[in-house]
N, C-alpha and C. Protein backbone atom coordinates (compact mmCIF):
# COMPACT_ATOMS: atom_id res chain seq x y z
N MET A 1 -10.47 8.73 -24.02
CA MET A 1 -9.08 9.09 -23.83
C MET A 1 -8.95 10.15 -22.73
N ARG A 2 -9.90 11.07 -22.71
CA ARG A 2 -9.86 12.14 -21.72
C ARG A 2 -9.99 11.57 -20.30
N ARG A 3 -10.81 10.48 -20.16
CA ARG A 3 -10.96 9.85 -18.85
C ARG A 3 -9.63 9.30 -18.36
N LEU A 4 -8.85 8.76 -19.27
CA LEU A 4 -7.55 8.19 -18.89
C LEU A 4 -6.56 9.27 -18.48
N GLU A 5 -6.60 10.41 -19.15
CA GLU A 5 -5.71 11.51 -18.78
C GLU A 5 -6.00 11.99 -17.37
N ALA A 6 -7.27 12.00 -16.98
CA ALA A 6 -7.65 12.46 -15.66
C ALA A 6 -7.21 11.50 -14.55
N VAL A 7 -7.20 10.21 -14.84
CA VAL A 7 -6.87 9.22 -13.83
C VAL A 7 -5.37 8.90 -13.77
N ARG A 8 -4.64 9.26 -14.80
CA ARG A 8 -3.22 8.90 -14.88
C ARG A 8 -2.39 9.31 -13.66
N PRO A 9 -2.50 10.54 -13.14
CA PRO A 9 -1.68 10.90 -11.97
C PRO A 9 -1.93 9.99 -10.76
N ARG A 10 -3.17 9.59 -10.54
CA ARG A 10 -3.46 8.70 -9.41
C ARG A 10 -2.90 7.30 -9.67
N LEU A 11 -2.95 6.87 -10.92
CA LEU A 11 -2.38 5.58 -11.28
C LEU A 11 -0.87 5.57 -11.02
N VAL A 12 -0.21 6.63 -11.43
CA VAL A 12 1.24 6.71 -11.23
C VAL A 12 1.57 6.73 -9.74
N SER A 13 0.84 7.51 -8.97
CA SER A 13 1.08 7.56 -7.52
C SER A 13 0.92 6.18 -6.89
N PHE A 14 -0.13 5.49 -7.27
CA PHE A 14 -0.38 4.16 -6.72
C PHE A 14 0.72 3.18 -7.12
N ALA A 15 1.10 3.19 -8.38
CA ALA A 15 2.15 2.29 -8.86
C ALA A 15 3.49 2.62 -8.21
N LEU A 16 3.76 3.89 -8.01
CA LEU A 16 5.01 4.30 -7.37
C LEU A 16 5.07 3.85 -5.92
N LEU A 17 3.95 3.93 -5.21
CA LEU A 17 3.91 3.44 -3.84
C LEU A 17 4.23 1.95 -3.79
N GLN A 18 3.75 1.23 -4.75
CA GLN A 18 3.92 -0.23 -4.74
C GLN A 18 5.30 -0.63 -5.27
N LEU A 19 5.74 -0.04 -6.36
CA LEU A 19 6.97 -0.49 -7.02
C LEU A 19 8.22 0.24 -6.54
N ARG A 20 8.05 1.44 -6.00
CA ARG A 20 9.16 2.22 -5.44
C ARG A 20 10.24 2.55 -6.46
N ASP A 21 9.86 2.63 -7.70
CA ASP A 21 10.79 2.97 -8.77
C ASP A 21 9.98 3.69 -9.84
N ARG A 22 10.34 4.94 -10.12
CA ARG A 22 9.55 5.75 -11.05
C ARG A 22 9.46 5.12 -12.43
N ASN A 23 10.56 4.59 -12.93
CA ASN A 23 10.53 3.99 -14.28
C ASN A 23 9.62 2.77 -14.33
N LEU A 24 9.72 1.90 -13.31
CA LEU A 24 8.85 0.73 -13.27
C LEU A 24 7.38 1.14 -13.14
N ALA A 25 7.14 2.16 -12.31
CA ALA A 25 5.77 2.65 -12.12
C ALA A 25 5.21 3.21 -13.43
N GLU A 26 6.00 4.02 -14.11
CA GLU A 26 5.56 4.60 -15.39
C GLU A 26 5.28 3.50 -16.41
N ASP A 27 6.16 2.49 -16.43
CA ASP A 27 5.95 1.38 -17.37
C ASP A 27 4.66 0.63 -17.07
N ALA A 28 4.41 0.35 -15.78
CA ALA A 28 3.20 -0.38 -15.40
C ALA A 28 1.95 0.43 -15.76
N VAL A 29 1.99 1.72 -15.51
CA VAL A 29 0.85 2.58 -15.84
C VAL A 29 0.65 2.63 -17.35
N GLN A 30 1.74 2.76 -18.08
CA GLN A 30 1.63 2.81 -19.55
C GLN A 30 1.00 1.52 -20.09
N GLU A 31 1.42 0.39 -19.54
CA GLU A 31 0.85 -0.89 -19.97
C GLU A 31 -0.63 -0.98 -19.59
N ALA A 32 -0.97 -0.49 -18.41
CA ALA A 32 -2.37 -0.52 -17.98
C ALA A 32 -3.23 0.38 -18.86
N LEU A 33 -2.72 1.55 -19.19
CA LEU A 33 -3.47 2.48 -20.05
C LEU A 33 -3.63 1.90 -21.45
N ALA A 34 -2.58 1.28 -21.96
CA ALA A 34 -2.67 0.66 -23.29
C ALA A 34 -3.72 -0.46 -23.29
N ALA A 35 -3.72 -1.25 -22.21
CA ALA A 35 -4.71 -2.33 -22.10
C ALA A 35 -6.12 -1.75 -21.98
N ALA A 36 -6.27 -0.65 -21.24
CA ALA A 36 -7.59 -0.02 -21.09
C ALA A 36 -8.09 0.51 -22.44
N ILE A 37 -7.20 1.12 -23.20
CA ILE A 37 -7.59 1.63 -24.53
C ILE A 37 -7.98 0.46 -25.43
N GLU A 38 -7.18 -0.59 -25.39
CA GLU A 38 -7.44 -1.75 -26.24
C GLU A 38 -8.75 -2.45 -25.88
N LYS A 39 -9.07 -2.47 -24.59
CA LYS A 39 -10.27 -3.20 -24.14
C LYS A 39 -11.43 -2.26 -23.78
N ASP A 40 -11.35 -1.02 -24.20
CA ASP A 40 -12.37 -0.03 -23.86
C ASP A 40 -13.77 -0.49 -24.25
N ALA A 41 -13.91 -1.15 -25.36
CA ALA A 41 -15.23 -1.61 -25.81
C ALA A 41 -15.79 -2.69 -24.90
N SER A 42 -14.91 -3.39 -24.18
CA SER A 42 -15.39 -4.47 -23.30
C SER A 42 -15.76 -3.95 -21.90
N PHE A 43 -15.51 -2.67 -21.63
CA PHE A 43 -15.88 -2.10 -20.32
C PHE A 43 -17.39 -2.10 -20.20
N GLN A 44 -17.90 -2.84 -19.22
CA GLN A 44 -19.35 -3.03 -19.09
C GLN A 44 -20.00 -2.16 -18.03
N GLU A 45 -19.27 -1.25 -17.45
CA GLU A 45 -19.79 -0.29 -16.48
C GLU A 45 -20.40 -0.94 -15.25
N ARG A 46 -19.91 -2.12 -14.86
CA ARG A 46 -20.33 -2.73 -13.58
C ARG A 46 -19.68 -2.03 -12.41
N SER A 47 -18.59 -1.33 -12.69
CA SER A 47 -17.90 -0.52 -11.70
C SER A 47 -17.58 0.81 -12.36
N GLY A 48 -17.00 1.71 -11.60
CA GLY A 48 -16.58 2.97 -12.19
C GLY A 48 -15.42 2.75 -13.13
N TYR A 49 -15.26 3.63 -14.09
CA TYR A 49 -14.19 3.50 -15.08
C TYR A 49 -12.82 3.51 -14.39
N GLU A 50 -12.65 4.41 -13.43
CA GLU A 50 -11.38 4.51 -12.71
C GLU A 50 -11.09 3.21 -11.96
N THR A 51 -12.08 2.63 -11.34
CA THR A 51 -11.92 1.36 -10.62
C THR A 51 -11.49 0.27 -11.59
N TRP A 52 -12.08 0.25 -12.76
CA TRP A 52 -11.74 -0.74 -13.78
C TRP A 52 -10.28 -0.59 -14.21
N VAL A 53 -9.84 0.64 -14.45
CA VAL A 53 -8.46 0.88 -14.86
C VAL A 53 -7.49 0.53 -13.73
N PHE A 54 -7.86 0.85 -12.49
CA PHE A 54 -7.01 0.47 -11.36
C PHE A 54 -6.90 -1.06 -11.26
N GLY A 55 -7.97 -1.76 -11.58
CA GLY A 55 -7.92 -3.23 -11.60
C GLY A 55 -6.92 -3.75 -12.62
N ILE A 56 -6.88 -3.12 -13.77
CA ILE A 56 -5.91 -3.50 -14.79
C ILE A 56 -4.50 -3.21 -14.28
N LEU A 57 -4.32 -2.04 -13.67
CA LEU A 57 -3.00 -1.66 -13.13
C LEU A 57 -2.54 -2.64 -12.07
N LYS A 58 -3.44 -3.12 -11.25
CA LYS A 58 -3.10 -4.07 -10.20
C LYS A 58 -2.36 -5.28 -10.80
N TYR A 59 -2.87 -5.80 -11.90
CA TYR A 59 -2.24 -6.96 -12.52
C TYR A 59 -0.91 -6.60 -13.20
N LYS A 60 -0.81 -5.39 -13.71
CA LYS A 60 0.46 -4.96 -14.31
C LYS A 60 1.53 -4.80 -13.22
N ILE A 61 1.13 -4.31 -12.05
CA ILE A 61 2.06 -4.19 -10.92
C ILE A 61 2.51 -5.58 -10.48
N LEU A 62 1.57 -6.51 -10.38
CA LEU A 62 1.94 -7.88 -10.00
C LEU A 62 2.90 -8.49 -11.01
N ASP A 63 2.67 -8.24 -12.29
CA ASP A 63 3.60 -8.73 -13.32
C ASP A 63 5.00 -8.15 -13.10
N SER A 64 5.07 -6.87 -12.79
CA SER A 64 6.36 -6.22 -12.55
C SER A 64 7.04 -6.80 -11.31
N LEU A 65 6.27 -7.02 -10.26
CA LEU A 65 6.84 -7.61 -9.05
C LEU A 65 7.36 -9.02 -9.30
N ARG A 66 6.62 -9.79 -10.08
CA ARG A 66 7.08 -11.15 -10.43
C ARG A 66 8.38 -11.09 -11.22
N GLN A 67 8.45 -10.16 -12.14
CA GLN A 67 9.67 -10.02 -12.93
C GLN A 67 10.84 -9.62 -12.03
N GLN A 68 10.63 -8.70 -11.10
CA GLN A 68 11.68 -8.31 -10.16
C GLN A 68 12.15 -9.51 -9.34
N ARG A 69 11.21 -10.32 -8.92
CA ARG A 69 11.55 -11.50 -8.12
C ARG A 69 12.36 -12.49 -8.95
N ARG A 70 11.95 -12.72 -10.20
CA ARG A 70 12.69 -13.64 -11.08
C ARG A 70 14.12 -13.14 -11.32
N GLN A 71 14.29 -11.84 -11.40
CA GLN A 71 15.61 -11.26 -11.64
C GLN A 71 16.43 -11.13 -10.36
N GLY A 72 15.86 -11.56 -9.23
CA GLY A 72 16.59 -11.51 -7.96
C GLY A 72 16.64 -10.13 -7.33
N LYS A 73 15.77 -9.23 -7.78
CA LYS A 73 15.77 -7.87 -7.22
C LYS A 73 14.89 -7.74 -5.99
N TRP A 74 14.16 -8.78 -5.66
CA TRP A 74 13.33 -8.76 -4.47
C TRP A 74 13.66 -10.01 -3.68
N ARG A 75 14.15 -9.81 -2.46
CA ARG A 75 14.47 -10.93 -1.61
C ARG A 75 13.62 -10.86 -0.35
N PRO A 76 13.31 -12.03 0.23
CA PRO A 76 12.65 -12.01 1.54
C PRO A 76 13.50 -11.22 2.53
N PHE A 77 12.89 -10.68 3.54
CA PHE A 77 13.58 -9.72 4.39
C PHE A 77 13.36 -10.00 5.87
N ASP A 78 13.63 -11.20 6.31
CA ASP A 78 13.46 -11.56 7.71
C ASP A 78 14.27 -10.67 8.65
N GLU A 79 15.47 -10.26 8.22
CA GLU A 79 16.32 -9.47 9.10
C GLU A 79 15.69 -8.12 9.43
N GLU A 80 14.88 -7.58 8.56
CA GLU A 80 14.24 -6.30 8.80
C GLU A 80 13.20 -6.41 9.92
N ILE A 81 12.54 -7.52 10.00
CA ILE A 81 11.51 -7.71 11.00
C ILE A 81 12.09 -7.76 12.40
N ASP A 82 13.19 -8.46 12.57
CA ASP A 82 13.78 -8.61 13.89
C ASP A 82 14.32 -7.31 14.45
N SER A 83 14.65 -6.37 13.61
CA SER A 83 15.26 -5.13 14.08
C SER A 83 14.24 -4.03 14.37
N ASP A 84 12.98 -4.33 14.29
CA ASP A 84 11.96 -3.30 14.44
C ASP A 84 11.72 -2.99 15.91
N ALA A 85 12.14 -1.80 16.36
CA ALA A 85 11.97 -1.41 17.75
C ALA A 85 10.61 -0.76 18.00
N LEU A 86 9.82 -0.63 16.97
CA LEU A 86 8.52 0.03 17.11
C LEU A 86 7.61 -0.65 18.11
N LEU A 87 7.67 -1.97 18.19
CA LEU A 87 6.77 -2.70 19.08
C LEU A 87 7.18 -2.62 20.54
N GLU A 88 8.47 -2.37 20.78
CA GLU A 88 8.94 -2.34 22.16
C GLU A 88 8.21 -1.25 22.94
N GLY A 89 7.69 -1.63 24.09
CA GLY A 89 7.01 -0.68 24.95
C GLY A 89 5.57 -0.38 24.56
N GLN A 90 5.04 -1.01 23.52
CA GLN A 90 3.67 -0.75 23.10
C GLN A 90 2.65 -1.45 23.99
N PHE A 91 3.00 -2.66 24.45
CA PHE A 91 2.02 -3.48 25.15
C PHE A 91 2.53 -3.93 26.52
N GLN A 92 1.60 -4.14 27.44
CA GLN A 92 1.90 -4.71 28.74
C GLN A 92 2.02 -6.22 28.60
N GLN A 93 2.46 -6.89 29.66
CA GLN A 93 2.60 -8.35 29.64
C GLN A 93 1.27 -9.04 29.35
N ASN A 94 0.15 -8.44 29.80
CA ASN A 94 -1.15 -9.07 29.57
C ASN A 94 -1.74 -8.77 28.19
N GLY A 95 -0.99 -8.06 27.34
CA GLY A 95 -1.43 -7.80 25.98
C GLY A 95 -2.17 -6.49 25.80
N ARG A 96 -2.43 -5.77 26.86
CA ARG A 96 -3.11 -4.47 26.76
C ARG A 96 -2.11 -3.37 26.40
N TRP A 97 -2.65 -2.29 25.86
CA TRP A 97 -1.81 -1.16 25.48
C TRP A 97 -1.15 -0.56 26.72
N GLN A 98 0.10 -0.10 26.56
CA GLN A 98 0.70 0.77 27.56
C GLN A 98 -0.06 2.09 27.49
N VAL A 99 -0.20 2.76 28.59
CA VAL A 99 -0.99 4.00 28.63
C VAL A 99 -0.49 5.00 27.60
N GLN A 100 0.81 5.22 27.51
CA GLN A 100 1.36 6.21 26.57
C GLN A 100 1.29 5.75 25.12
N ALA A 101 1.02 4.48 24.88
CA ALA A 101 1.02 3.95 23.52
C ALA A 101 -0.38 3.78 22.94
N ARG A 102 -1.41 4.07 23.72
CA ARG A 102 -2.78 3.90 23.21
C ARG A 102 -3.02 4.76 21.98
N PRO A 103 -3.75 4.22 21.03
CA PRO A 103 -4.05 5.01 19.83
C PRO A 103 -4.87 6.26 20.18
N ALA A 104 -4.59 7.33 19.47
CA ALA A 104 -5.35 8.57 19.66
C ALA A 104 -6.71 8.44 18.99
N ALA A 105 -7.66 9.24 19.45
CA ALA A 105 -8.99 9.26 18.83
C ALA A 105 -8.87 9.99 17.49
N TRP A 106 -9.38 9.37 16.45
CA TRP A 106 -9.30 9.94 15.12
C TRP A 106 -10.56 10.69 14.73
N GLY A 107 -11.50 10.79 15.63
CA GLY A 107 -12.75 11.46 15.29
C GLY A 107 -13.59 10.62 14.37
N ASP A 108 -14.28 11.27 13.47
CA ASP A 108 -15.18 10.59 12.54
C ASP A 108 -14.37 9.99 11.37
N PRO A 109 -14.29 8.65 11.28
CA PRO A 109 -13.51 8.04 10.20
C PRO A 109 -13.98 8.44 8.81
N GLU A 110 -15.28 8.57 8.62
CA GLU A 110 -15.81 8.95 7.30
C GLU A 110 -15.29 10.33 6.90
N ALA A 111 -15.23 11.24 7.85
CA ALA A 111 -14.71 12.58 7.55
C ALA A 111 -13.23 12.53 7.20
N ALA A 112 -12.48 11.68 7.91
CA ALA A 112 -11.05 11.55 7.64
C ALA A 112 -10.83 11.05 6.22
N PHE A 113 -11.61 10.07 5.80
CA PHE A 113 -11.40 9.49 4.48
C PHE A 113 -11.80 10.42 3.34
N THR A 114 -12.55 11.45 3.62
CA THR A 114 -12.90 12.42 2.59
C THR A 114 -11.95 13.62 2.61
N SER A 115 -11.05 13.66 3.59
CA SER A 115 -10.13 14.78 3.72
C SER A 115 -8.92 14.59 2.80
N GLU A 116 -8.69 15.55 1.93
CA GLU A 116 -7.53 15.51 1.03
C GLU A 116 -6.24 15.53 1.84
N ARG A 117 -6.22 16.28 2.93
CA ARG A 117 -5.03 16.37 3.78
C ARG A 117 -4.70 15.00 4.40
N PHE A 118 -5.72 14.24 4.80
CA PHE A 118 -5.49 12.91 5.35
C PHE A 118 -4.78 12.04 4.32
N TRP A 119 -5.25 12.06 3.07
CA TRP A 119 -4.66 11.20 2.06
C TRP A 119 -3.25 11.65 1.69
N GLN A 120 -2.98 12.94 1.75
CA GLN A 120 -1.62 13.42 1.54
C GLN A 120 -0.70 12.88 2.64
N MET A 121 -1.18 12.92 3.88
CA MET A 121 -0.40 12.40 5.00
C MET A 121 -0.23 10.89 4.88
N PHE A 122 -1.30 10.20 4.47
CA PHE A 122 -1.20 8.75 4.28
C PHE A 122 -0.13 8.42 3.25
N ASP A 123 -0.14 9.11 2.11
CA ASP A 123 0.87 8.87 1.08
C ASP A 123 2.28 9.14 1.61
N THR A 124 2.44 10.22 2.37
CA THR A 124 3.73 10.55 2.96
C THR A 124 4.19 9.44 3.90
N CYS A 125 3.27 8.95 4.71
CA CYS A 125 3.60 7.88 5.65
C CYS A 125 3.90 6.57 4.92
N MET A 126 3.20 6.30 3.83
CA MET A 126 3.49 5.09 3.05
C MET A 126 4.90 5.16 2.45
N VAL A 127 5.28 6.33 1.96
CA VAL A 127 6.60 6.49 1.38
C VAL A 127 7.68 6.31 2.45
N ALA A 128 7.36 6.67 3.69
CA ALA A 128 8.32 6.55 4.79
C ALA A 128 8.54 5.09 5.24
N LEU A 129 7.61 4.21 4.90
CA LEU A 129 7.78 2.79 5.25
C LEU A 129 8.94 2.19 4.47
N PRO A 130 9.62 1.20 5.05
CA PRO A 130 10.62 0.48 4.25
C PRO A 130 9.94 -0.12 3.01
N ASP A 131 10.65 -0.19 1.92
CA ASP A 131 10.08 -0.60 0.64
C ASP A 131 9.28 -1.90 0.72
N ASN A 132 9.88 -2.95 1.24
CA ASN A 132 9.20 -4.24 1.25
C ASN A 132 7.99 -4.26 2.18
N VAL A 133 8.06 -3.51 3.28
CA VAL A 133 6.93 -3.42 4.20
C VAL A 133 5.77 -2.70 3.49
N ALA A 134 6.09 -1.62 2.79
CA ALA A 134 5.05 -0.88 2.05
C ALA A 134 4.43 -1.76 0.97
N ARG A 135 5.25 -2.57 0.32
CA ARG A 135 4.73 -3.45 -0.72
C ARG A 135 3.75 -4.46 -0.15
N ILE A 136 4.12 -5.09 0.95
CA ILE A 136 3.25 -6.08 1.56
C ILE A 136 1.94 -5.43 1.99
N PHE A 137 2.03 -4.27 2.64
CA PHE A 137 0.83 -3.56 3.09
C PHE A 137 -0.04 -3.18 1.88
N SER A 138 0.57 -2.66 0.84
CA SER A 138 -0.19 -2.27 -0.36
C SER A 138 -0.86 -3.46 -1.01
N MET A 139 -0.14 -4.56 -1.09
CA MET A 139 -0.71 -5.76 -1.70
C MET A 139 -1.96 -6.19 -0.95
N ARG A 140 -1.92 -6.11 0.37
CA ARG A 140 -3.05 -6.56 1.19
C ARG A 140 -4.18 -5.52 1.22
N GLU A 141 -3.85 -4.31 1.60
CA GLU A 141 -4.87 -3.32 1.90
C GLU A 141 -5.31 -2.47 0.72
N LEU A 142 -4.44 -2.26 -0.24
CA LEU A 142 -4.80 -1.41 -1.38
C LEU A 142 -5.13 -2.23 -2.62
N MET A 143 -4.45 -3.37 -2.79
CA MET A 143 -4.70 -4.21 -3.96
C MET A 143 -5.67 -5.34 -3.64
N GLY A 144 -5.90 -5.61 -2.38
CA GLY A 144 -6.89 -6.61 -1.98
C GLY A 144 -6.45 -8.06 -2.13
N LEU A 145 -5.15 -8.32 -2.16
CA LEU A 145 -4.69 -9.70 -2.26
C LEU A 145 -4.84 -10.41 -0.92
N SER A 146 -5.06 -11.71 -0.97
CA SER A 146 -5.13 -12.50 0.26
C SER A 146 -3.72 -12.72 0.78
N THR A 147 -3.61 -13.14 2.03
CA THR A 147 -2.31 -13.43 2.60
C THR A 147 -1.61 -14.52 1.81
N LEU A 148 -2.35 -15.54 1.42
CA LEU A 148 -1.78 -16.63 0.64
C LEU A 148 -1.21 -16.11 -0.68
N GLU A 149 -1.94 -15.25 -1.36
CA GLU A 149 -1.46 -14.69 -2.63
C GLU A 149 -0.20 -13.85 -2.41
N ILE A 150 -0.17 -13.08 -1.32
CA ILE A 150 1.01 -12.27 -1.02
C ILE A 150 2.22 -13.17 -0.79
N CYS A 151 2.01 -14.24 -0.03
CA CYS A 151 3.11 -15.17 0.25
C CYS A 151 3.61 -15.84 -1.02
N GLN A 152 2.72 -16.18 -1.91
CA GLN A 152 3.12 -16.78 -3.18
C GLN A 152 3.91 -15.79 -4.03
N GLU A 153 3.49 -14.54 -4.03
CA GLU A 153 4.15 -13.53 -4.86
C GLU A 153 5.52 -13.12 -4.31
N THR A 154 5.65 -13.11 -2.98
CA THR A 154 6.87 -12.58 -2.37
C THR A 154 7.83 -13.64 -1.86
N GLY A 155 7.34 -14.86 -1.67
CA GLY A 155 8.20 -15.92 -1.15
C GLY A 155 8.39 -15.89 0.35
N ILE A 156 7.52 -15.16 1.06
CA ILE A 156 7.63 -15.15 2.52
C ILE A 156 6.61 -16.11 3.12
N LYS A 157 6.79 -16.44 4.38
CA LYS A 157 5.87 -17.33 5.08
C LYS A 157 4.69 -16.53 5.61
N GLU A 158 3.58 -17.23 5.83
CA GLU A 158 2.36 -16.55 6.27
C GLU A 158 2.53 -15.83 7.60
N ASN A 159 3.20 -16.47 8.56
CA ASN A 159 3.43 -15.81 9.85
C ASN A 159 4.22 -14.52 9.68
N ASN A 160 5.22 -14.57 8.82
CA ASN A 160 6.03 -13.39 8.53
C ASN A 160 5.16 -12.30 7.92
N CYS A 161 4.27 -12.67 7.02
CA CYS A 161 3.38 -11.71 6.38
C CYS A 161 2.51 -11.01 7.42
N TRP A 162 1.95 -11.77 8.36
CA TRP A 162 1.08 -11.17 9.38
C TRP A 162 1.86 -10.21 10.26
N VAL A 163 3.10 -10.57 10.59
CA VAL A 163 3.93 -9.68 11.42
C VAL A 163 4.23 -8.40 10.66
N ILE A 164 4.58 -8.53 9.40
CA ILE A 164 4.87 -7.35 8.58
C ILE A 164 3.65 -6.44 8.48
N LEU A 165 2.48 -7.03 8.25
CA LEU A 165 1.25 -6.23 8.16
C LEU A 165 0.96 -5.52 9.48
N HIS A 166 1.13 -6.23 10.58
CA HIS A 166 0.88 -5.62 11.89
C HIS A 166 1.82 -4.44 12.13
N ARG A 167 3.08 -4.66 11.84
CA ARG A 167 4.06 -3.59 12.06
C ARG A 167 3.85 -2.42 11.09
N ALA A 168 3.45 -2.71 9.88
CA ALA A 168 3.15 -1.63 8.93
C ALA A 168 2.00 -0.79 9.45
N ARG A 169 0.97 -1.45 9.96
CA ARG A 169 -0.18 -0.71 10.50
C ARG A 169 0.22 0.15 11.69
N LEU A 170 1.06 -0.41 12.58
CA LEU A 170 1.53 0.37 13.73
C LEU A 170 2.33 1.59 13.28
N ARG A 171 3.21 1.39 12.31
CA ARG A 171 4.02 2.51 11.82
C ARG A 171 3.15 3.56 11.15
N LEU A 172 2.20 3.11 10.34
CA LEU A 172 1.31 4.07 9.68
C LEU A 172 0.48 4.83 10.70
N ARG A 173 -0.04 4.11 11.69
CA ARG A 173 -0.82 4.77 12.73
C ARG A 173 0.00 5.83 13.44
N ALA A 174 1.22 5.48 13.83
CA ALA A 174 2.08 6.43 14.54
C ALA A 174 2.40 7.64 13.65
N CYS A 175 2.70 7.39 12.40
CA CYS A 175 3.02 8.48 11.47
C CYS A 175 1.82 9.39 11.25
N ILE A 176 0.67 8.80 11.02
CA ILE A 176 -0.53 9.60 10.78
C ILE A 176 -0.92 10.38 12.03
N GLU A 177 -0.84 9.74 13.19
CA GLU A 177 -1.16 10.46 14.43
C GLU A 177 -0.21 11.62 14.64
N HIS A 178 1.05 11.41 14.35
CA HIS A 178 2.05 12.47 14.56
C HIS A 178 1.86 13.61 13.55
N GLY A 179 1.64 13.26 12.29
CA GLY A 179 1.57 14.28 11.25
C GLY A 179 0.21 14.89 11.02
N TRP A 180 -0.81 14.06 11.03
CA TRP A 180 -2.14 14.56 10.67
C TRP A 180 -2.95 14.96 11.89
N LEU A 181 -3.00 14.12 12.89
CA LEU A 181 -3.81 14.43 14.06
C LEU A 181 -3.25 15.59 14.86
N LYS A 182 -1.94 15.71 14.93
CA LYS A 182 -1.33 16.83 15.67
C LYS A 182 -1.66 18.15 14.99
N GLU A 183 -1.76 18.14 13.65
CA GLU A 183 -2.12 19.36 12.92
C GLU A 183 -3.54 19.81 13.20
N THR A 184 -4.45 18.85 13.43
CA THR A 184 -5.85 19.20 13.60
C THR A 184 -6.19 19.59 15.04
N ASP A 185 -5.24 19.37 15.98
CA ASP A 185 -5.50 19.74 17.38
C ASP A 185 -5.53 21.24 17.55
């Protein structure tokens, strides 16, 4: 039980990033914790306990997203993609970066991933993403779903999914470079 108390804040943060609603996030975490308690004897220690509980939460989040979709609370969002000015001016006609748009050097990636400040900035940048863009990115990069699974869950087309993922990465990169890298200079 003590292990679950220690992991609960991270579970809530993760669920909140994905569901964008505190009540839904709390419900998903509560269901995941209840399932973890119920199935504690079946935990075989092939992975870390926290990883196992996050795996349970992943399915509870997907259940919540499916329910939202059935209730009509989640609609495809093609109009949001067309209005994204972030890509304008990023690339030359030949596909290379514009000089002013080149990504900044992030230094040692391993060091960045162990930095608590980096993860705080990442969370801040994720919250700044439009809800549906953050959901698609989280489903792919944090929950490990395939593009096909994302398309089945959200009702969007594969090409649309790839565009959303690309734009989410560009926005996250710009946000992190502005907030985190500028601080370390």
